[in-house]
Amino acid sequence: MKFTNPVRLALIISLLTIVFFSLIYSLLVLLNKIPFSIAVILTFDVLLFIFTYFLLKNILEKLIFEKIKVIYKIIQSLKLTRVEKKALRTTLGEDMINQVSKDVMDWAEDKKAEIEQLRKAEAYRREFLANVSHEIKTPISNIQGYISTLLSGGLEDHYVNRDFLLKTEKNIDRLIELVDDLDIISSLESGEVRMEKSRFDIQALTKEVFEFLEDIAKAGNIKFIFGNDENTPVWVYADRDRIRQVLVNLLDNSIKYGRKEGRTKVSFYDMDENFLIEVSDNGMGIEKDHIPRLFERFYRVDKHRSRAEGGTGLGLAIVKHIIEAHEQTVNVRSSPMIGSTFSFTLKKG
């Protein structure tokens, strides 16, 4: 039997004490050592019970509470005031051991989850620093190689110097783009960037982005199309410049990972208070295992192809942060060799 309540334990011990002394009294009476008196034995038992019960109750509660106080000092993140200590003693009085056991188990589960979260954050931090280091080191190494070649005599060679200077400029541009993207993500995460929301036609904005990326799309024989009537306005309430960046990043990705003579379609769906915007392509698609990490910074499905195609590896992370800054959601569904669909919601304008 488990005794988790000091009051119950004191009561049982007091009753056992009375039984014990009653047996001794009965034995002495049987041996004719003392005379029998019902009044004496009842009075003695009552007084003994009261004395034993309250003495044991106070001792047990004091001893157990002192031990429990140490436990609560460990599991409580804040120092308890006198009032809180008194309230704790009152709360625990009924079923002290069970309550403490529950609180300790809850604390242990919370700590376990916290440690697991810290481990994931540490692993993510290490991976992020390794990725940043790699992304920065590659263009710097290239720039250093080109400049060393030029200083070693290539500067006088008219066939080499211009080519190497153009390659150096390209790598510098890549570094600037990387720093700019990191700055954007940092600002979005810290909440420094406020969304300058206004009412605008996202269908017209999409046409603008189509025209902006037209030359890149033609180079890959990829066609841009609308899934709806392109002459019908779709009014949303959002930050126009940031949503333009979202569309540029998603459409640019569809070109990079699309198939030759493929197509990218943008569709709009009415969802009561919001519009659902879908950017779908019939490109190479994405394996299921990669989808949960797709919006992480620097995460690349095909690292070699991604770097060859250009970009910083931060495009989808920026998309996620911008949409979440609008208090909306972004999702992706994809099948290998069939294509991918990125979708996000925006409030109606």
Protein backbone atom coordinates (compact mmCIF):
# COMPACT_ATOMS: atom_id res chain seq x y z
CA MET A 1 0.00 0.00 0.00
CA LYS A 2 1.30 3.45 -0.90
CA PHE A 3 0.77 6.32 1.54
CA THR A 4 0.90 9.55 -0.42
CA ASN A 5 -1.04 11.66 2.08
CA PRO A 6 0.66 12.64 5.39
CA VAL A 7 -2.74 13.20 7.07
CA ARG A 8 -3.84 9.66 6.23
CA LEU A 9 -0.50 8.27 7.33
CA ALA A 10 -0.69 10.11 10.68
CA LEU A 11 -4.25 8.82 11.18
CA ILE A 12 -3.27 5.20 10.53
CA ILE A 13 -0.21 5.37 12.80
CA SER A 14 -2.31 6.97 15.58
CA LEU A 15 -4.94 4.22 15.34
CA LEU A 16 -2.26 1.52 15.40
CA THR A 17 -0.72 3.20 18.46
CA ILE A 18 -4.09 3.13 20.26
CA VAL A 19 -4.58 -0.54 19.35
CA PHE A 20 -1.07 -1.36 20.61
CA PHE A 21 -1.53 0.39 23.97
CA SER A 22 -5.05 -1.07 24.33
CA LEU A 23 -3.61 -4.56 23.87
CA ILE A 24 -0.96 -3.85 26.52
CA TYR A 25 -3.64 -2.53 28.90
CA SER A 26 -5.79 -5.63 28.29
CA LEU A 27 -2.81 -7.89 28.93
CA LEU A 28 -2.02 -6.15 32.21
CA VAL A 29 -5.68 -6.47 33.26
CA LEU A 30 -5.64 -10.21 32.47
CA LEU A 31 -2.50 -10.63 34.54
CA ASN A 32 -4.24 -8.78 37.42
CA LYS A 33 -1.54 -6.13 37.42
CA ILE A 34 -4.04 -3.26 37.18
CA PRO A 35 -7.83 -2.97 37.66
CA PHE A 36 -10.10 -2.75 34.61
CA SER A 37 -11.88 0.60 33.97
CA ILE A 38 -13.70 1.44 30.75
CA ALA A 39 -13.56 5.17 31.55
CA VAL A 40 -9.76 5.04 31.97
CA ILE A 41 -9.11 3.19 28.75
CA LEU A 42 -11.45 5.42 26.69
CA THR A 43 -10.01 8.62 28.12
CA PHE A 44 -6.45 7.37 27.63
CA ASP A 45 -7.16 6.25 24.03
CA VAL A 46 -8.80 9.56 23.06
CA LEU A 47 -6.00 11.66 24.55
CA LEU A 48 -3.35 9.39 23.06
CA PHE A 49 -5.02 9.52 19.64
CA ILE A 50 -5.28 13.33 19.64
CA PHE A 51 -1.70 13.78 20.84
CA THR A 52 -0.23 11.17 18.46
CA TYR A 53 -2.27 12.29 15.44
CA PHE A 54 -1.43 15.99 15.63
CA LEU A 55 2.20 15.36 16.56
CA LEU A 56 2.77 12.95 13.67
CA LYS A 57 0.78 15.08 11.23
CA ASN A 58 2.85 18.17 11.94
CA ILE A 59 6.15 16.26 11.94
CA LEU A 60 5.39 14.46 8.68
CA GLU A 61 4.12 17.57 6.92
CA LYS A 62 7.15 19.57 8.09
CA LEU A 63 9.65 16.87 7.08
CA ILE A 64 8.02 16.12 3.74
CA PHE A 65 7.43 19.78 2.93
CA GLU A 66 11.07 20.63 3.65
CA LYS A 67 12.14 17.95 1.17
CA ILE A 68 9.52 19.07 -1.33
CA LYS A 69 10.67 22.68 -1.01
CA VAL A 70 14.09 21.59 -2.26
CA ILE A 71 12.48 19.86 -5.24
CA TYR A 72 10.41 22.94 -6.06
CA LYS A 73 13.50 25.14 -5.83
CA ILE A 74 14.94 23.01 -8.64
CA ILE A 75 11.88 22.83 -10.87
CA GLN A 76 10.61 26.38 -10.32
CA SER A 77 12.24 28.96 -12.59
CA LEU A 78 11.31 31.87 -10.26
CA LYS A 79 11.98 32.36 -6.55
CA LEU A 80 8.84 31.84 -4.46
CA THR A 81 7.55 34.59 -2.16
CA ARG A 82 6.26 33.89 1.36
CA VAL A 83 2.67 34.09 0.14
CA GLU A 84 3.43 31.63 -2.69
CA LYS A 85 5.16 29.25 -0.25
CA LYS A 86 2.09 29.31 2.00
CA ALA A 87 -0.17 28.72 -1.00
CA LEU A 88 2.05 25.82 -2.07
CA ARG A 89 1.80 24.21 1.36
CA THR A 90 -2.00 24.57 1.29
CA THR A 91 -2.23 23.16 -2.25
CA LEU A 92 -0.05 20.16 -1.46
CA GLY A 93 -1.71 19.40 1.87
CA GLU A 94 -4.36 17.04 0.48
CA ASP A 95 -2.23 14.72 -1.59
CA MET A 96 1.32 15.96 -1.29
CA ILE A 97 3.37 13.10 -2.74
CA ASN A 98 1.16 12.49 -5.80
CA GLN A 99 1.02 16.20 -6.62
CA VAL A 100 4.79 16.59 -6.35
CA SER A 101 5.31 13.45 -8.41
CA LYS A 102 3.04 14.86 -11.13
CA ASP A 103 4.78 18.26 -11.06
CA VAL A 104 8.22 16.64 -11.31
CA MET A 105 7.11 14.44 -14.21
CA ASP A 106 5.67 17.46 -16.02
CA TRP A 107 8.90 19.38 -15.37
CA ALA A 108 10.99 16.47 -16.67
CA GLU A 109 8.89 16.26 -19.86
CA ASP A 110 9.22 20.02 -20.41
CA LYS A 111 12.98 19.87 -19.88
CA LYS A 112 13.27 16.90 -22.23
CA ALA A 113 11.39 18.80 -24.95
CA GLU A 114 13.49 21.92 -24.26
CA ILE A 115 16.76 19.96 -24.55
CA GLU A 116 15.58 18.34 -27.78
CA GLN A 117 14.68 21.77 -29.16
CA LEU A 118 18.09 23.13 -28.16
CA ARG A 119 19.81 20.19 -29.86
CA LYS A 120 17.88 20.84 -33.06
CA ALA A 121 18.67 24.56 -32.86
CA GLU A 122 22.36 23.80 -32.32
CA ALA A 123 22.43 21.41 -35.28
CA TYR A 124 20.62 24.00 -37.40
CA ARG A 125 23.07 26.71 -36.28
CA ARG A 126 26.09 24.56 -37.19
CA GLU A 127 24.61 23.73 -40.58
CA PHE A 128 23.71 27.37 -41.20
CA LEU A 129 27.23 28.60 -40.34
CA ALA A 130 28.77 25.89 -42.55
CA ASN A 131 26.50 26.93 -45.43
CA VAL A 132 27.22 30.64 -45.00
CA SER A 133 30.94 29.91 -44.84
CA HIS A 134 30.78 27.82 -48.02
CA GLU A 135 28.63 30.31 -49.93
CA ILE A 136 30.97 33.18 -49.04
CA LYS A 137 34.21 31.25 -49.46
CA THR A 138 33.45 30.09 -53.02
CA PRO A 139 33.18 33.54 -54.69
CA ILE A 140 36.03 34.94 -52.57
CA SER A 141 38.31 32.07 -53.67
CA ASN A 142 37.30 32.68 -57.29
CA ILE A 143 37.98 36.42 -57.00
CA GLN A 144 41.35 35.76 -55.36
CA GLY A 145 42.31 33.35 -58.18
CA TYR A 146 41.34 35.77 -60.96
CA ILE A 147 43.16 38.72 -59.35
CA SER A 148 46.29 36.63 -58.68
CA THR A 149 46.33 35.56 -62.35
CA LEU A 150 45.97 39.17 -63.50
CA LEU A 151 48.75 40.37 -61.18
CA SER A 152 51.00 37.54 -62.35
CA GLY A 153 50.99 38.85 -65.91
CA GLY A 154 47.48 38.31 -67.16
CA LEU A 155 46.74 42.02 -66.87
CA GLU A 156 48.86 42.69 -69.97
CA ASP A 157 47.14 39.93 -71.95
CA HIS A 158 44.16 41.58 -73.67
CA TYR A 159 42.53 38.18 -74.29
CA VAL A 160 42.63 37.29 -70.61
CA ASN A 161 42.28 40.49 -68.60
CA ARG A 162 38.76 41.45 -69.72
CA ASP A 163 37.44 37.89 -69.34
CA PHE A 164 38.88 37.58 -65.82
CA LEU A 165 37.62 41.02 -64.78
CA LEU A 166 34.11 40.11 -65.94
CA LYS A 167 34.29 36.85 -63.96
CA THR A 168 35.52 38.78 -60.93
CA GLU A 169 32.59 41.18 -61.25
CA LYS A 170 30.17 38.26 -61.49
CA ASN A 171 31.50 36.77 -58.23
CA ILE A 172 31.35 40.17 -56.50
CA ASP A 173 27.72 40.50 -57.61
CA ARG A 174 27.03 37.05 -56.13
CA LEU A 175 28.54 38.15 -52.80
CA ILE A 176 26.45 41.33 -52.78
CA GLU A 177 23.30 39.32 -53.57
CA LEU A 178 24.09 36.89 -50.74
CA VAL A 179 24.63 39.69 -48.20
CA ASP A 180 21.45 41.47 -49.36
CA ASP A 181 19.38 38.28 -49.00
CA LEU A 182 20.80 37.58 -45.54
CA ASP A 183 20.00 41.16 -44.54
CA ILE A 184 16.40 40.75 -45.77
CA ILE A 185 15.89 37.52 -43.81
CA SER A 186 17.48 38.99 -40.68
CA SER A 187 15.23 42.05 -40.88
CA LEU A 188 12.11 39.94 -41.43
CA GLU A 189 12.93 37.60 -38.53
CA SER A 190 13.66 40.45 -36.13
CA GLY A 191 10.46 42.28 -37.11
CA GLU A 192 12.39 45.37 -38.20
CA VAL A 193 10.70 45.34 -41.61
CA ARG A 194 7.11 46.51 -41.52
CA MET A 195 4.75 45.41 -44.25
CA GLU A 196 3.59 48.53 -46.15
CA LYS A 197 0.18 47.14 -47.06
CA SER A 198 -2.07 48.58 -49.74
CA ARG A 199 -4.82 47.43 -52.09
CA PHE A 200 -3.53 46.30 -55.50
CA ASP A 201 -4.31 43.97 -58.39
CA ILE A 202 -2.05 40.93 -58.02
CA GLN A 203 -2.95 39.77 -61.52
CA ALA A 204 -1.45 42.98 -62.94
CA LEU A 205 1.58 42.54 -60.70
CA THR A 206 2.05 39.00 -62.02
CA LYS A 207 2.01 40.32 -65.62
CA GLU A 208 4.71 42.77 -64.60
CA VAL A 209 6.86 39.94 -63.19
CA PHE A 210 6.23 37.84 -66.33
CA GLU A 211 7.66 40.69 -68.42
CA PHE A 212 10.60 41.13 -66.03
CA LEU A 213 11.61 37.44 -66.35
CA GLU A 214 10.61 37.09 -70.01
CA ASP A 215 14.16 36.92 -71.41
CA ILE A 216 15.26 34.28 -68.87
CA ALA A 217 12.14 32.21 -69.58
CA LYS A 218 12.68 32.42 -73.36
CA ALA A 219 16.27 31.20 -72.93
CA GLY A 220 14.85 28.01 -71.39
CA ASN A 221 11.89 27.81 -73.80
CA ILE A 222 9.54 28.10 -70.85
CA LYS A 223 6.13 29.68 -71.30
CA PHE A 224 4.29 31.76 -68.69
CA ILE A 225 0.50 31.36 -68.58
CA PHE A 226 -2.45 32.31 -66.36
CA GLY A 227 -4.84 29.73 -64.97
CA ASN A 228 -7.67 32.31 -64.91
CA ASP A 229 -9.00 35.07 -67.10
CA GLU A 230 -6.01 37.43 -67.18
CA ASN A 231 -8.23 40.46 -67.76
CA THR A 232 -10.15 40.04 -64.49
CA PRO A 233 -8.55 41.99 -61.61
CA VAL A 234 -7.68 40.11 -58.42
CA TRP A 235 -7.56 42.63 -55.59
CA VAL A 236 -5.51 41.83 -52.49
CA TYR A 237 -4.37 43.77 -49.43
CA ALA A 238 -0.63 43.29 -48.93
CA ASP A 239 2.83 44.85 -49.33
CA ARG A 240 3.10 45.13 -53.13
CA ASP A 241 6.91 45.26 -53.29
CA ARG A 242 7.33 42.25 -50.99
CA ILE A 243 4.75 40.19 -52.88
CA ARG A 244 6.54 41.11 -56.10
CA GLN A 245 9.69 39.62 -54.56
CA VAL A 246 7.74 36.46 -53.66
CA LEU A 247 6.50 36.08 -57.25
CA VAL A 248 9.96 36.78 -58.71
CA ASN A 249 11.55 34.13 -56.45
CA LEU A 250 8.91 31.48 -57.20
CA LEU A 251 8.83 32.12 -60.96
CA ASP A 252 12.63 32.25 -61.14
CA ASN A 253 12.78 28.85 -59.39
CA SER A 254 10.27 27.41 -61.86
CA ILE A 255 12.55 28.51 -64.71
CA LYS A 256 15.72 27.11 -63.11
CA TYR A 257 14.18 23.72 -62.36
CA GLY A 258 11.72 23.57 -65.26
CA ARG A 259 12.03 21.35 -68.31
CA LYS A 260 12.83 22.66 -71.77
CA GLU A 261 9.71 23.84 -73.59
CA GLY A 262 7.84 23.59 -70.33
CA ARG A 263 5.34 25.97 -68.79
CA THR A 264 4.74 27.85 -65.54
CA LYS A 265 1.16 28.66 -64.60
CA VAL A 266 -0.10 31.21 -62.06
CA SER A 267 -3.66 30.75 -60.81
CA PHE A 268 -5.90 32.63 -58.38
CA TYR A 269 -8.68 31.06 -56.28
CA ASP A 270 -11.33 32.80 -54.18
CA MET A 271 -11.32 31.53 -50.56
CA ASP A 272 -13.89 33.76 -48.84
CA GLU A 273 -11.67 36.21 -46.90
CA ASN A 274 -8.48 35.36 -48.79
CA PHE A 275 -7.18 34.60 -52.26
CA LEU A 276 -5.09 31.49 -52.87
CA ILE A 277 -2.27 32.11 -55.34
CA GLU A 278 -0.68 29.07 -56.99
CA VAL A 279 2.53 28.97 -59.01
CA SER A 280 2.81 25.58 -60.71
CA ASP A 281 5.20 24.10 -63.26
CA ASN A 282 5.70 20.83 -65.11
CA GLY A 283 9.40 20.64 -64.31
CA MET A 284 11.61 18.07 -62.63
CA GLY A 285 9.65 18.04 -59.35
CA ILE A 286 10.90 17.38 -55.84
CA GLU A 287 11.30 14.13 -53.90
CA LYS A 288 8.97 13.79 -50.89
CA ASP A 289 11.88 13.62 -48.40
CA HIS A 290 13.10 17.09 -49.37
CA ILE A 291 9.76 18.93 -49.03
CA PRO A 292 9.78 19.47 -45.20
CA ARG A 293 13.13 21.31 -45.41
CA LEU A 294 12.49 23.18 -48.63
CA PHE A 295 11.98 26.59 -46.97
CA GLU A 296 15.14 26.37 -44.83
CA ARG A 297 17.94 28.81 -45.49
CA PHE A 298 20.54 27.49 -47.98
CA TYR A 299 18.73 24.16 -48.33
CA ARG A 300 19.21 22.83 -51.86
CA VAL A 301 17.64 19.70 -53.33
CA ASP A 302 20.38 19.37 -55.97
CA LYS A 303 23.36 21.33 -54.63
CA HIS A 304 25.55 21.12 -57.74
CA ARG A 305 22.81 22.13 -60.16
CA SER A 306 21.53 24.89 -57.84
CA ARG A 307 24.91 26.61 -57.65
CA ALA A 308 25.44 26.22 -61.38
CA GLU A 309 22.09 27.92 -61.99
CA GLY A 310 23.06 30.80 -59.69
CA GLY A 311 21.18 32.25 -56.73
CA THR A 312 21.97 32.26 -53.04
CA GLY A 313 19.83 29.39 -51.79
CA LEU A 314 17.78 31.86 -49.74
CA GLY A 315 14.92 32.52 -52.17
CA LEU A 316 12.32 30.19 -50.66
CA ALA A 317 13.31 31.15 -47.11
CA ILE A 318 12.61 34.78 -48.04
CA VAL A 319 9.26 33.76 -49.57
CA LYS A 320 8.25 31.98 -46.34
CA HIS A 321 9.24 34.92 -44.12
CA ILE A 322 7.40 37.49 -46.28
CA ILE A 323 4.19 35.45 -46.37
CA GLU A 324 4.34 34.76 -42.64
CA ALA A 325 4.93 38.50 -42.02
CA HIS A 326 1.51 38.95 -43.71
CA GLU A 327 0.10 36.40 -41.19
CA GLN A 328 -0.61 34.01 -44.06
CA THR A 329 0.67 30.57 -45.07
CA VAL A 330 2.79 29.13 -47.88
CA ASN A 331 2.79 25.46 -48.95
CA VAL A 332 4.25 23.21 -51.59
CA ARG A 333 3.23 19.94 -53.22
CA SER A 334 5.37 18.16 -55.75
CA SER A 335 5.97 14.89 -57.57
CA PRO A 336 9.23 13.91 -59.32
CA MET A 337 9.12 14.32 -63.12
CA ILE A 338 5.59 15.77 -62.90
CA GLY A 339 6.19 19.20 -61.42
CA SER A 340 5.74 21.41 -58.38
CA THR A 341 3.06 23.77 -57.10
CA PHE A 342 3.81 26.52 -54.60
CA SER A 343 0.77 28.16 -53.06
CA PHE A 344 0.22 31.01 -50.64
CA THR A 345 -2.71 33.04 -49.34
CA LEU A 346 -3.28 36.78 -49.18
CA LYS A 347 -6.07 38.82 -47.69
CA LYS A 348 -8.64 40.18 -50.10
CA GLY A 349 -8.40 43.87 -50.92
